[in-house]
Protein backbone atom coordinates (compact mmCIF):
# COMPACT_ATOMS: atom_id res chain seq x y z
CA MET A 1 -0.12 -0.18 0.00
CA LYS A 2 2.75 1.98 0.83
CA LYS A 3 4.40 1.82 -2.43
CA LEU A 4 1.40 2.31 -4.18
CA LEU A 5 0.76 5.77 -2.52
CA THR A 6 4.45 6.75 -3.30
CA ALA A 7 4.06 5.84 -7.00
CA LEU A 8 0.56 7.82 -7.08
CA LEU A 9 2.48 10.67 -5.46
CA ILE A 10 5.29 10.98 -7.55
CA THR A 11 2.85 10.76 -10.37
CA PHE A 12 1.08 13.63 -9.12
CA SER A 13 3.63 15.74 -8.44
CA VAL A 14 6.13 14.60 -11.54
CA LEU A 15 3.77 13.43 -14.45
CA GLY A 16 0.42 14.67 -13.68
CA PHE A 17 1.65 18.02 -12.60
CA SER A 18 4.21 18.79 -15.16
CA GLN A 19 3.59 22.41 -15.33
CA ASN A 20 5.57 22.49 -12.06
CA LEU A 21 2.74 25.08 -10.76
CA ILE A 22 4.02 26.60 -7.19
CA SER A 23 1.12 26.49 -4.74
CA ASN A 24 0.03 28.87 -2.04
CA VAL A 25 1.57 32.15 -3.61
CA PRO A 26 -0.30 34.56 -1.57
CA ASN A 27 2.13 33.20 1.50
CA ARG A 28 5.41 33.62 -0.42
CA ASN A 29 8.09 35.92 -0.58
CA THR A 30 6.46 38.02 -3.62
CA THR A 31 6.73 41.38 -5.39
CA SER A 32 3.31 42.52 -7.39
CA LEU A 33 3.64 43.37 -11.14
CA ASN A 34 0.20 44.65 -10.94
CA GLY A 35 -0.82 48.26 -11.54
CA VAL A 36 -0.49 50.62 -14.85
CA TRP A 37 0.92 48.48 -17.84
CA ASN A 38 1.04 49.86 -21.59
CA TYR A 39 -0.83 47.87 -24.16
CA ILE A 40 -0.79 48.20 -28.14
CA VAL A 41 -4.16 46.52 -29.77
CA ASP A 42 -2.94 44.22 -33.06
CA PRO A 43 -5.81 42.67 -34.64
CA TYR A 44 -3.48 41.39 -37.72
CA GLN A 45 -0.75 40.20 -35.45
CA THR A 46 2.09 42.87 -36.80
CA GLY A 47 3.89 42.76 -33.96
CA PHE A 48 4.03 38.74 -34.23
CA TYR A 49 4.41 37.71 -37.82
CA SER A 50 6.39 39.38 -40.81
CA PHE A 51 4.19 40.40 -43.92
CA HIS A 52 4.58 36.78 -45.18
CA LEU A 53 3.35 35.15 -41.87
CA ASP A 54 6.85 34.00 -40.45
CA GLN A 55 6.59 33.88 -36.76
CA TYR A 56 9.06 36.46 -35.10
CA ASP A 57 9.61 34.32 -32.08
CA LYS A 58 11.07 31.19 -33.85
CA ASN A 59 14.02 33.29 -35.49
CA GLU A 60 17.20 33.30 -33.58
CA LYS A 61 17.47 36.98 -33.84
CA PRO A 62 14.00 38.26 -34.01
CA ALA A 63 13.13 41.59 -36.48
CA LYS A 64 13.11 45.09 -35.18
CA GLY A 65 9.13 44.78 -35.49
CA ALA A 66 8.77 41.94 -33.22
CA PHE A 67 6.72 43.88 -30.43
CA PHE A 68 8.42 41.34 -27.60
CA SER A 69 11.73 42.70 -28.41
CA ASN A 70 10.41 46.20 -27.23
CA TYR A 71 12.74 47.77 -29.79
CA HIS A 72 13.33 51.72 -29.93
CA ALA A 73 14.74 53.65 -33.17
CA GLN A 74 18.49 54.05 -32.48
CA ASN A 75 18.52 57.31 -34.72
CA LYS A 76 15.93 59.56 -36.43
CA GLN A 77 16.41 57.69 -39.84
CA GLU A 78 15.41 54.15 -38.61
CA LEU A 79 12.01 52.58 -39.00
CA VAL A 80 10.08 51.29 -35.96
CA GLU A 81 6.32 51.24 -36.19
CA TYR A 82 5.56 50.63 -32.60
CA ASP A 83 6.45 52.27 -29.20
CA PHE A 84 4.73 50.86 -25.92
CA ASP A 85 5.98 53.75 -23.88
CA LYS A 86 4.10 55.96 -26.36
CA SER A 87 0.85 54.00 -26.58
CA PRO A 88 -2.16 54.10 -24.23
CA THR A 89 -1.92 52.60 -20.58
CA ILE A 90 -4.53 50.04 -18.71
CA THR A 91 -4.70 48.70 -15.24
CA ILE A 92 -3.47 45.18 -14.56
CA PRO A 93 -5.17 42.98 -13.63
CA SER A 94 -8.10 43.78 -15.42
CA ASP A 95 -10.26 42.96 -19.12
CA TRP A 96 -9.84 45.42 -21.52
CA ASN A 97 -13.48 45.08 -22.56
CA SER A 98 -14.90 46.66 -19.78
CA GLN A 99 -12.09 49.40 -19.25
CA VAL A 100 -11.54 50.43 -22.95
CA PRO A 101 -15.31 51.42 -24.42
CA GLU A 102 -13.73 50.98 -28.15
CA LEU A 103 -12.84 47.24 -26.97
CA LYS A 104 -16.11 46.28 -25.46
CA TYR A 105 -16.64 43.49 -28.47
CA TYR A 106 -13.25 43.10 -29.40
CA GLU A 107 -11.78 39.59 -29.48
CA GLY A 108 -8.09 39.24 -31.06
CA ASN A 109 -4.69 40.20 -30.02
CA VAL A 110 -3.44 42.55 -27.48
CA TRP A 111 0.00 43.44 -26.60
CA PHE A 112 0.92 44.56 -22.76
CA LYS A 113 4.19 45.58 -21.47
CA LYS A 114 5.40 46.48 -17.96
CA SER A 115 8.92 47.85 -16.89
CA PHE A 116 10.44 46.95 -13.90
CA ASP A 117 13.97 46.78 -11.80
CA TYR A 118 14.47 43.96 -9.58
CA ASN A 119 17.98 43.17 -7.27
CA LEU A 120 17.72 39.57 -7.08
CA ALA A 121 20.09 38.12 -4.17
CA SER A 122 23.01 35.68 -4.67
CA LYS A 123 21.84 32.27 -5.04
CA LYS A 124 18.04 33.11 -5.03
CA ARG A 125 15.60 31.92 -7.75
CA LEU A 126 12.91 34.39 -9.16
CA PHE A 127 9.68 32.95 -10.52
CA LEU A 128 7.14 35.02 -12.82
CA TYR A 129 3.63 33.73 -11.30
CA LEU A 130 0.31 34.55 -13.68
CA GLY A 131 -3.13 34.52 -12.14
CA ALA A 132 -5.00 33.98 -15.28
CA ILE A 133 -4.75 35.55 -18.69
CA ASN A 134 -7.67 34.69 -20.99
CA TYR A 135 -7.19 33.06 -23.49
CA LYS A 136 -3.77 32.54 -24.92
CA ALA A 137 -0.75 33.93 -23.64
CA ASP A 138 2.90 34.24 -25.31
CA VAL A 139 5.00 35.85 -22.31
CA TYR A 140 8.50 37.41 -22.96
CA LEU A 141 10.91 38.48 -20.62
CA ASN A 142 13.91 40.94 -22.18
CA GLY A 143 13.09 39.61 -25.55
CA LYS A 144 13.34 36.16 -24.44
CA LYS A 145 10.09 33.78 -24.87
CA LEU A 146 9.01 32.24 -21.49
CA GLY A 147 6.41 30.12 -23.05
CA THR A 148 2.70 29.96 -24.41
CA HIS A 149 -0.05 28.95 -22.28
CA GLU A 150 -3.83 28.41 -23.05
CA GLY A 151 -6.64 28.59 -20.81
CA GLY A 152 -8.52 31.57 -19.63
CA PHE A 153 -9.06 30.83 -15.94
CA THR A 154 -5.80 28.95 -14.38
CA PRO A 155 -2.33 30.02 -13.13
CA PHE A 156 0.93 29.13 -14.61
CA ASN A 157 4.55 30.23 -14.03
CA TYR A 158 8.08 30.44 -15.49
CA GLU A 159 11.14 30.46 -13.84
CA VAL A 160 13.07 33.65 -15.19
CA THR A 161 16.41 33.73 -12.52
CA SER A 162 18.95 33.92 -15.32
CA ILE A 163 16.97 36.56 -17.15
CA VAL A 164 15.87 39.12 -14.74
CA GLN A 165 18.46 42.13 -14.18
CA PRO A 166 18.74 45.03 -11.74
CA LYS A 167 17.54 47.71 -13.96
CA GLY A 168 15.26 48.08 -16.96
CA ASN A 169 13.30 44.71 -17.14
CA TYR A 170 10.44 44.39 -19.62
CA LEU A 171 7.74 41.87 -19.46
CA VAL A 172 5.86 41.85 -22.87
CA ILE A 173 2.53 39.37 -22.98
CA LYS A 174 0.84 39.04 -26.11
CA VAL A 175 -3.00 37.86 -25.25
CA ASP A 176 -5.34 36.47 -27.75
CA ASN A 177 -8.87 35.85 -26.79
CA THR A 178 -10.16 34.65 -30.15
CA ARG A 179 -12.50 31.65 -29.73
CA HIS A 180 -12.15 28.56 -31.24
CA LYS A 181 -13.86 25.30 -31.81
CA GLU A 182 -11.43 22.97 -30.39
CA ASP A 183 -10.49 25.09 -27.30
CA VAL A 184 -12.12 24.55 -23.58
CA PRO A 185 -14.30 26.18 -23.69
CA THR A 186 -15.66 26.11 -27.11
CA VAL A 187 -16.73 29.10 -29.36
CA ASN A 188 -20.37 29.12 -28.14
CA THR A 189 -20.72 30.51 -24.40
CA ASP A 190 -23.21 32.46 -22.19
CA TRP A 191 -20.69 34.74 -20.38
CA TRP A 192 -18.66 37.31 -21.77
CA ASN A 193 -15.36 36.68 -23.32
CA TYR A 194 -13.36 39.00 -21.22
CA GLY A 195 -9.92 39.43 -22.69
CA GLY A 196 -6.85 40.24 -20.98
CA ILE A 197 -4.37 39.81 -17.81
CA THR A 198 -7.26 39.29 -15.46
CA ARG A 199 -5.40 38.19 -12.33
CA ASP A 200 -2.59 38.86 -10.52
CA VAL A 201 0.94 39.43 -12.04
CA THR A 202 3.48 38.29 -9.36
CA LEU A 203 7.14 37.74 -8.77
CA ILE A 204 8.02 35.06 -6.54
CA GLU A 205 11.63 34.85 -5.02
CA GLU A 206 12.61 31.52 -3.56
CA GLU A 207 15.95 29.60 -2.81
CA ALA A 208 17.99 27.16 -4.54
CA SER A 209 15.99 24.42 -3.16
CA PHE A 210 12.31 25.29 -2.15
CA VAL A 211 8.82 23.56 -1.21
CA GLU A 212 7.15 23.92 -4.59
CA ASP A 213 3.97 22.18 -3.68
CA TYR A 214 1.98 20.05 -0.84
CA THR A 215 -1.02 18.32 0.27
CA ILE A 216 -1.81 18.62 4.16
CA GLN A 217 -5.29 17.48 4.26
CA LEU A 218 -7.08 14.41 6.57
CA LYS A 219 -6.84 11.15 5.45
CA LYS A 220 -9.78 9.60 3.45
CA GLY A 221 -11.78 7.54 5.83
CA ASN A 222 -9.76 8.53 8.89
CA ALA A 223 -10.78 11.99 10.43
CA ASN A 224 -7.84 11.78 12.94
CA VAL A 225 -5.09 11.23 10.70
CA ILE A 226 -3.61 14.63 8.68
CA SER A 227 -1.92 13.09 5.40
CA GLY A 228 -0.33 14.15 2.12
CA PHE A 229 2.69 15.19 0.81
CA ILE A 230 5.44 17.58 0.33
CA LYS A 231 7.45 18.27 -3.02
CA ILE A 232 10.84 19.98 -2.77
CA ASN A 233 12.07 21.72 -6.10
CA ASN A 234 15.54 21.04 -7.05
CA LEU A 235 16.41 18.79 -3.64
CA GLU A 236 19.74 18.66 -2.67
CA ALA A 237 20.98 15.38 -1.13
CA SER A 238 22.42 17.14 1.98
CA GLN A 239 19.15 19.32 2.62
CA ASN A 240 16.25 16.86 3.01
CA THR A 241 14.62 17.10 6.17
CA ILE A 242 11.32 19.00 6.27
CA SER A 243 9.41 19.71 9.54
CA VAL A 244 5.59 20.25 9.72
CA SER A 245 4.27 22.21 12.73
CA ILE A 246 0.35 22.93 13.56
CA PRO A 247 1.10 24.45 17.12
CA GLU A 248 -2.83 24.27 18.16
CA LEU A 249 -2.82 20.65 17.60
CA LYS A 250 0.56 20.07 19.13
CA ILE A 251 1.83 18.69 16.00
CA ASN A 252 5.38 18.87 15.12
CA PHE A 253 6.14 16.49 12.50
CA LYS A 254 9.78 15.89 10.89
CA GLY A 255 10.62 13.90 7.98
CA LYS A 256 13.06 13.22 5.18
CA ALA A 257 12.22 13.71 1.42
CA ASP A 258 13.31 10.84 -1.24
CA SER A 259 15.21 11.17 -4.12
CA HIS A 260 12.48 12.47 -6.00
CA GLY A 261 12.05 15.53 -3.47
CA LEU A 262 8.95 13.93 -2.25
CA LEU A 263 8.09 13.56 1.20
CA ASN A 264 4.97 11.71 2.33
CA LEU A 265 3.01 12.56 5.49
CA GLU A 266 0.90 10.57 7.76
CA ILE A 267 0.23 12.70 10.91
CA PRO A 268 -2.07 11.25 13.94
CA ALA A 269 -3.85 14.28 15.22
CA LYS A 270 -6.37 14.75 18.06
CA LYS A 271 -8.90 16.96 19.23
CA ILE A 272 -9.23 18.30 15.67
CA SER A 273 -12.03 21.38 15.61
CA TYR A 274 -13.40 20.28 12.39
CA TRP A 275 -14.13 22.93 9.52
CA SER A 276 -17.96 23.49 8.59
CA PRO A 277 -20.38 26.55 7.84
CA GLU A 278 -20.97 26.70 11.57
CA ASN A 279 -17.25 26.59 12.53
CA PRO A 280 -15.00 27.62 9.81
CA LYS A 281 -11.97 27.08 11.81
CA LEU A 282 -8.33 27.42 10.07
CA TYR A 283 -5.35 26.07 11.63
CA ASP A 284 -2.14 28.10 11.36
CA VAL A 285 0.31 25.41 9.37
CA THR A 286 4.07 25.86 8.89
CA ILE A 287 6.08 23.95 6.61
CA ASP A 288 9.98 24.51 7.40
CA PHE A 289 12.40 23.41 4.87
CA ASN A 290 16.18 24.32 5.39
CA GLY A 291 15.44 27.03 7.65
CA LYS A 292 12.77 28.78 5.23
CA LYS A 293 9.19 28.78 6.68
CA LEU A 294 6.01 28.48 4.46
CA LYS A 295 2.85 29.10 6.05
CA ASP A 296 -0.71 28.56 5.37
CA GLN A 297 -4.04 28.30 6.78
CA ILE A 298 -5.53 25.15 6.59
CA GLY A 299 -9.01 23.58 7.37
CA PHE A 300 -9.71 20.06 8.54
CA ARG A 301 -13.02 18.31 7.55
CA THR A 302 -13.99 15.17 6.15
CA ILE A 303 -16.84 15.26 2.75
CA GLU A 304 -18.12 11.86 1.57
CA THR A 305 -21.27 10.33 0.55
CA LYS A 306 -22.96 7.16 2.06
CA GLU A 307 -25.91 6.26 -0.50
CA ASP A 308 -27.83 9.28 -1.26
CA LYS A 309 -26.56 11.50 1.07
CA ILE A 310 -23.65 13.70 1.69
CA LEU A 311 -22.02 13.89 4.80
CA LEU A 312 -19.65 16.55 6.29
CA ASN A 313 -17.72 15.64 9.28
CA GLY A 314 -19.94 12.37 9.44
CA LYS A 315 -23.19 14.28 9.55
CA GLN A 316 -25.99 14.80 6.61
CA ILE A 317 -25.97 18.13 5.23
CA PHE A 318 -28.34 19.88 2.63
CA LEU A 319 -26.36 22.30 0.38
CA ARG A 320 -28.13 25.28 0.40
CA GLY A 321 -26.46 27.17 -2.63
CA ILE A 322 -26.22 29.79 -5.60
CA SER A 323 -24.41 29.81 -8.74
CA ILE A 324 -22.07 32.79 -9.31
CA HIS A 325 -20.25 34.12 -12.27
CA GLU A 326 -16.95 35.99 -11.83
CA GLU A 327 -18.16 39.39 -12.46
CA ASN A 328 -17.67 42.56 -10.81
CA ALA A 329 -20.32 45.42 -9.96
CA LYS A 330 -18.81 47.46 -13.05
CA GLY A 331 -19.63 44.50 -15.28
CA GLY A 332 -15.91 43.23 -15.83
CA ARG A 333 -14.12 40.28 -14.80
CA ALA A 334 -13.78 40.17 -10.88
CA ASN A 335 -10.20 40.16 -9.48
CA SER A 336 -10.30 41.77 -6.08
CA PRO A 337 -11.11 40.25 -2.49
CA GLU A 338 -13.46 42.94 -2.52
CA ASP A 339 -15.34 41.61 -5.61
CA ALA A 340 -15.37 38.42 -3.78
CA LEU A 341 -16.60 39.64 -0.36
CA ARG A 342 -19.65 41.35 -2.13
CA LEU A 343 -20.24 38.17 -3.91
CA LEU A 344 -20.35 35.97 -1.05
CA ASN A 345 -21.77 38.23 1.28
CA TRP A 346 -24.78 38.24 -0.67
CA ALA A 347 -24.89 34.36 -0.79
CA LYS A 348 -24.66 34.55 3.13
CA GLU A 349 -27.61 36.85 3.09
CA LEU A 350 -29.50 34.43 0.86
CA GLY A 351 -29.01 31.70 3.38
CA CYS A 352 -26.56 29.76 1.51
CA ASN A 353 -23.63 27.38 2.90
CA TYR A 354 -22.33 26.81 -0.21
CA VAL A 355 -21.61 28.17 -3.75
CA ARG A 356 -21.35 26.83 -7.29
CA LEU A 357 -18.62 28.79 -9.20
CA ALA A 358 -19.36 28.61 -12.49
CA HIS A 359 -18.39 27.63 -15.16
CA TYR A 360 -14.59 27.81 -14.88
CA PRO A 361 -11.86 28.00 -12.08
CA HIS A 362 -12.42 31.32 -10.20
CA ASN A 363 -10.16 33.84 -8.82
CA GLU A 364 -7.96 32.32 -5.69
CA ASN A 365 -9.44 35.25 -3.47
CA ILE A 366 -12.87 33.78 -3.48
CA ILE A 367 -11.76 30.24 -2.49
CA ARG A 368 -9.67 31.78 0.45
CA GLU A 369 -12.64 34.04 1.53
CA ALA A 370 -15.12 31.02 1.51
CA ASP A 371 -12.55 29.27 3.55
CA LYS A 372 -12.96 32.05 6.31
CA MET A 373 -16.54 32.61 6.03
CA GLY A 374 -17.45 28.77 6.33
CA ILE A 375 -19.06 28.55 2.71
CA MET A 376 -18.59 25.23 0.88
CA VAL A 377 -17.68 25.30 -2.92
CA TRP A 378 -18.08 23.53 -5.94
CA GLU A 379 -15.13 24.10 -8.51
CA GLU A 380 -15.93 23.91 -12.15
CA ILE A 381 -13.31 23.71 -15.37
CA PRO A 382 -15.21 24.95 -18.97
CA VAL A 383 -15.92 21.89 -20.27
CA TYR A 384 -19.24 23.63 -21.33
CA TRP A 385 -21.92 22.60 -23.96
CA THR A 386 -20.16 20.88 -27.11
CA VAL A 387 -16.38 20.81 -27.24
CA GLU A 388 -14.57 18.70 -29.28
CA PHE A 389 -14.88 15.37 -27.16
CA THR A 390 -13.17 13.52 -30.04
CA ASN A 391 -9.85 15.86 -30.09
CA LYS A 392 -7.00 14.47 -28.41
CA ASN A 393 -5.71 18.07 -27.52
CA THR A 394 -9.31 19.26 -26.64
CA TYR A 395 -9.07 16.77 -23.95
CA GLN A 396 -5.49 17.25 -22.86
CA ASN A 397 -5.93 21.28 -22.36
CA ALA A 398 -9.44 20.09 -20.24
CA GLU A 399 -7.08 17.88 -18.21
CA ASP A 400 -4.40 20.23 -17.74
CA GLN A 401 -7.07 23.40 -16.54
CA LEU A 402 -8.04 20.82 -14.02
CA THR A 403 -4.66 19.79 -12.82
CA ALA A 404 -4.10 23.60 -12.46
CA SER A 405 -7.01 24.06 -10.66
CA ILE A 406 -6.69 21.26 -8.16
CA THR A 407 -2.79 22.36 -7.45
CA ARG A 408 -3.78 25.55 -6.60
CA ASP A 409 -7.07 24.83 -4.24
CA LYS A 410 -6.47 21.29 -2.84
CA ASN A 411 -5.50 22.69 0.54
CA ARG A 412 -8.56 25.04 0.88
CA ALA A 413 -11.44 23.20 2.96
CA SER A 414 -14.01 25.02 1.42
CA ILE A 415 -13.82 23.39 -1.75
CA ILE A 416 -15.85 19.96 -1.65
CA ILE A 417 -16.76 19.23 -5.04
CA TRP A 418 -14.84 19.26 -8.44
CA SER A 419 -16.81 19.62 -11.49
CA MET A 420 -15.96 18.03 -14.84
CA ALA A 421 -18.56 19.66 -17.04
CA ASN A 422 -21.66 21.67 -17.72
CA GLU A 423 -24.59 20.56 -19.88
CA THR A 424 -22.85 18.45 -22.40
CA PRO A 425 -24.70 16.64 -24.89
CA ILE A 426 -24.67 12.65 -24.28
CA SER A 427 -22.13 10.61 -26.75
CA GLU A 428 -19.62 7.81 -26.39
CA ALA A 429 -17.08 10.52 -27.00
CA ARG A 430 -18.28 12.50 -24.32
CA ASN A 431 -18.96 9.82 -21.92
CA THR A 432 -14.79 8.69 -22.32
CA PHE A 433 -13.73 12.34 -22.14
CA ILE A 434 -15.63 13.00 -18.74
CA LYS A 435 -14.81 9.63 -17.25
CA ASN A 436 -11.39 10.22 -18.05
CA LEU A 437 -11.58 13.64 -16.52
CA ALA A 438 -13.24 12.13 -13.26
CA SER A 439 -10.36 9.24 -13.31
CA HIS A 440 -7.55 11.82 -13.52
CA THR A 441 -9.16 13.97 -10.71
CA ARG A 442 -9.47 10.80 -8.29
CA SER A 443 -5.42 10.12 -9.05
CA LEU A 444 -4.83 13.99 -7.58
CA ASP A 445 -7.46 14.38 -5.04
CA ASN A 446 -9.39 11.30 -3.43
CA THR A 447 -10.47 13.37 -0.49
CA ARG A 448 -13.60 15.48 -2.15
CA LEU A 449 -16.85 14.56 -4.14
CA ILE A 450 -16.95 14.56 -7.92
CA SER A 451 -19.80 15.63 -10.02
CA ALA A 452 -20.67 17.64 -13.63
CA ALA A 453 -23.97 19.56 -14.17
CA LEU A 454 -25.79 17.25 -16.32
CA LEU A 455 -28.75 18.68 -18.96
CA THR A 456 -31.92 16.56 -18.90
CA LYS A 457 -35.01 17.44 -20.61
CA LYS A 458 -37.34 14.88 -19.00
CA GLU A 459 -38.12 13.96 -15.54
CA THR A 460 -35.48 10.72 -15.32
CA ILE A 461 -32.11 11.15 -14.56
CA ASP A 462 -30.21 8.50 -16.48
CA ASP A 463 -27.25 10.10 -18.09
CA PRO A 464 -24.46 7.69 -18.34
CA ILE A 465 -21.79 9.44 -16.54
CA GLY A 466 -23.70 9.33 -13.45
CA GLU A 467 -21.77 6.11 -13.17
CA VAL A 468 -18.85 7.74 -12.44
CA LEU A 469 -20.10 10.75 -10.40
CA ASP A 470 -19.98 10.90 -6.51
CA VAL A 471 -22.75 13.65 -6.56
CA VAL A 472 -25.48 13.63 -9.40
CA ALA A 473 -26.35 17.28 -10.42
CA PHE A 474 -28.78 18.74 -13.08
CA ASN A 475 -29.72 21.70 -14.94
CA GLN A 476 -33.47 22.44 -15.72
CA TYR A 477 -35.60 25.27 -16.48
CA LEU A 478 -39.16 24.30 -16.10
CA GLY A 479 -41.16 27.56 -16.94
CA TRP A 480 -38.79 29.31 -18.85
CA TYR A 481 -37.11 27.02 -21.58
CA GLY A 482 -40.44 25.25 -21.62
CA GLY A 483 -42.98 23.19 -19.44
CA ASN A 484 -45.75 24.45 -17.31
CA LEU A 485 -45.56 26.09 -14.25
CA GLU A 486 -49.08 25.66 -12.85
CA ASP A 487 -48.38 21.72 -13.00
CA ALA A 488 -45.03 22.06 -11.46
CA GLU A 489 -46.18 20.20 -7.99
CA LYS A 490 -47.81 17.29 -10.28
CA ILE A 491 -44.40 16.45 -12.01
CA THR A 492 -42.43 13.44 -10.58
CA TRP A 493 -38.58 12.85 -11.53
CA LYS A 494 -37.21 9.71 -11.21
CA SER A 495 -33.18 8.52 -10.80
CA LYS A 496 -31.38 5.49 -12.23
CA TYR A 497 -28.65 6.34 -9.19
CA ASN A 498 -29.03 5.58 -5.65
CA LYS A 499 -26.72 8.97 -5.32
CA PRO A 500 -27.30 12.08 -3.97
CA ILE A 501 -28.71 14.69 -6.30
CA ILE A 502 -28.06 18.70 -6.74
CA VAL A 503 -30.42 20.63 -8.81
CA SER A 504 -27.28 22.46 -10.02
CA GLU A 505 -29.37 25.16 -12.17
CA PHE A 506 -32.87 26.18 -12.60
CA GLY A 507 -34.28 29.64 -12.59
CA GLY A 508 -35.73 32.51 -15.30
CA ASP A 509 -34.99 36.26 -16.15
CA ALA A 510 -36.67 39.16 -14.70
CA LYS A 511 -35.60 43.19 -15.28
CA ALA A 512 -35.35 44.31 -11.89
CA GLY A 513 -37.94 46.85 -11.50
CA PHE A 514 -40.04 45.78 -14.24
CA HIS A 515 -43.63 44.55 -12.65
CA GLY A 516 -46.43 42.97 -13.67
CA GLU A 517 -49.09 39.69 -13.75
CA LYS A 518 -47.07 36.33 -12.57
CA ASN A 519 -47.63 35.49 -16.24
CA GLU A 520 -45.82 38.04 -17.88
CA ARG A 521 -42.47 37.16 -18.79
CA TRP A 522 -39.24 39.19 -17.33
CA THR A 523 -41.56 40.65 -14.32
CA GLU A 524 -40.14 40.03 -11.33
CA GLU A 525 -43.47 38.63 -10.56
CA TYR A 526 -43.06 36.09 -13.06
CA GLN A 527 -39.63 35.25 -11.77
CA GLU A 528 -41.42 35.09 -8.15
CA TYR A 529 -44.02 32.50 -9.41
CA LEU A 530 -41.43 30.34 -11.30
CA TYR A 531 -39.22 30.10 -8.06
CA ILE A 532 -42.24 29.23 -6.21
CA GLN A 533 -43.50 26.67 -8.46
CA ASN A 534 -40.23 25.16 -8.80
CA LEU A 535 -39.70 24.59 -5.53
CA LYS A 536 -42.81 22.73 -5.43
CA MET A 537 -41.63 20.48 -7.70
CA ILE A 538 -37.78 20.22 -6.59
CA GLU A 539 -39.11 19.27 -2.95
CA LYS A 540 -40.46 15.62 -4.16
CA ILE A 541 -37.32 14.79 -6.13
CA PRO A 542 -35.75 11.87 -4.75
CA HIS A 543 -32.43 11.83 -3.03
CA LEU A 544 -32.43 15.69 -3.28
CA SER A 545 -29.45 16.97 -1.23
CA GLY A 546 -29.05 20.58 -2.45
CA THR A 547 -29.72 23.38 -4.90
CA SER A 548 -27.94 25.97 -6.85
CA PRO A 549 -29.91 28.18 -8.64
CA TRP A 550 -29.21 30.08 -11.64
CA ILE A 551 -27.79 32.87 -10.43
CA LEU A 552 -26.78 35.19 -7.98
CA VAL A 553 -26.41 38.52 -9.90
CA ASP A 554 -27.54 39.50 -13.70
CA PHE A 555 -24.15 38.93 -15.59
CA ARG A 556 -22.97 40.05 -19.08
CA SER A 557 -23.65 38.07 -22.03
CA PRO A 558 -23.35 38.92 -25.86
CA LYS A 559 -25.73 36.19 -26.35
CA ARG A 560 -28.83 38.38 -24.70
CA LEU A 561 -30.12 40.79 -27.02
CA LEU A 562 -33.44 42.25 -26.37
CA PRO A 563 -33.45 45.59 -25.96
CA GLY A 564 -34.83 47.44 -22.89
CA ILE A 565 -34.75 44.43 -20.96
CA GLN A 566 -31.43 42.43 -21.26
CA ASP A 567 -29.53 44.66 -23.17
CA GLY A 568 -26.29 42.53 -23.23
CA TYR A 569 -27.15 40.93 -19.67
CA ASN A 570 -28.43 37.52 -18.82
CA ARG A 571 -31.34 38.69 -16.09
CA LYS A 572 -31.62 35.30 -14.52
CA GLY A 573 -30.20 36.92 -11.05
CA LEU A 574 -31.73 37.41 -8.03
CA ILE A 575 -29.80 40.18 -7.73
CA SER A 576 -29.59 43.13 -10.47
CA ASN A 577 -26.08 44.05 -11.63
CA GLU A 578 -27.22 47.15 -9.95
CA GLY A 579 -27.36 45.46 -6.60
CA GLU A 580 -31.15 45.63 -6.66
CA LYS A 581 -32.72 42.34 -5.02
CA LYS A 582 -35.48 40.92 -6.95
CA LYS A 583 -38.48 38.92 -5.49
CA ALA A 584 -37.34 35.97 -6.12
CA PHE A 585 -34.14 36.57 -3.97
CA TYR A 586 -36.52 36.47 -0.56
CA ILE A 587 -38.51 33.50 -1.93
CA MET A 588 -35.45 31.38 -2.05
CA GLN A 589 -34.40 32.97 1.03
CA ASP A 590 -37.65 31.66 3.09
CA TRP A 591 -36.99 28.25 1.55
CA TYR A 592 -33.54 27.94 2.54
CA ALA A 593 -34.46 29.14 6.35
CA LYS A 594 -37.06 26.16 6.41
CA LYS A 595 -34.08 23.84 4.83
CA LYS A 596 -31.47 25.22 7.71
CA LYS A 597 -33.88 24.03 10.41
CA GLU A 598 -34.28 20.55 8.97
CA TYR A 599 -30.69 19.62 8.71
């Protein structure tokens, strides 16, 4: 068993996590590169290709016209047709759509440049960490290409130790948010395709050997043992002793990393105060390697299923939830702790103990705030609608995004569900695709539940991938995309699976402040009636363990075009984008108050 665990962890750290993503960045020695950057809009990729479409960064000596070289004319005669320093500025992290009116609908290439100085101490190493860039990023430092990353919502990093200099560094990033059918997500989504460097840009300074990644969680099946691993980057044989301390639990563990830089942990623990919505206890944890301390705040809890019940710390729970998009009050990509608190505080007011973060991994800010507030989290990757399930590269892209998400968030107690997909049409290729993702997830983290938001248009839950899910979730829109609200309580649902069921989406649109009869679409009264009737139906669903209606707040979507009502917004929010609570908000709030008393 020990050999098997070691093999799995080596796979986890070395093979499955080939990106070598550094975890727990907020608690490391960092320097922010956020702030004002210059940008150049480049729809024809003039700074990337010659007029014969030769890619500049594939040449040994890039041409002057390569934007990543940040070249300036050496005399008045020399022809150079760009200049970052004379170009407009934008705030990073951000999206260009909400910051620059002319770019509201723009999809294409934009170059960003940030100049900075950095004095790197002798024998130290430096990494560039990018929280998320949507969608494809080509990254250059001082004219040298660091790499290309695809995926709009996951972090990535590069070592820049040999490239950074004390003065005059220039970081250039080409960002392309063009949609492609083979991407994850694909071309068709129901949210705004915000382009840009949408999360923090950070420099991480580390020792020659350092703690790159770790898991410190309760062992599956034993709530009195803390287990996991610690992975050392660039282990030196003479420095392989690692200690883990959790003072409140009187834990002082010491061990030695193996030749792969890996230390497996299994630590008995007594009198743990388990994390829960009622008691969001976080313990101060310190990993000490070679005299360098890395701190974290970790909650310990168990999450499992037993037949058709979800158990938190061995006790049955009902997930009183809401779905959330990562959008701020101004209608741009949310990226700050304040944005996270705004959304989570509304969820708390609604009566939620759980949120579904749709349809992609959200900013780390909201996960850490959920840890502190005691809100359970469903985290999802954007395998959304009709990605190319037969395309091997598309699958690898999805798996890479899943890997990065788990790497970043696996020590957060709030996350209880990893979601593989949303509303994907059934086919053999799709079934294989999602089952493989589920298997990959379990190889990386066997302590959490796996689900996916299924799409069903009948009252029978029999999707084949339900076989591999711990929790069967489905979306349904009675009264909005078909169905008769008057007969809602007569509808009977059946499930093929004796597993917990979550109604992961239901709802309908209403323009805040627009009133009328309950049978008039777009009114608050119609949305209110829709919620009343849907809840009568939902109450009778067998194995019901939670709901996460669609959605907390109205959000931007270019698919929503009705003038005077939608105006580029999906209006299914219980709260308007202006912060006004609709009548349906209070229906859901009352229902959750009742559910809270039952569990």
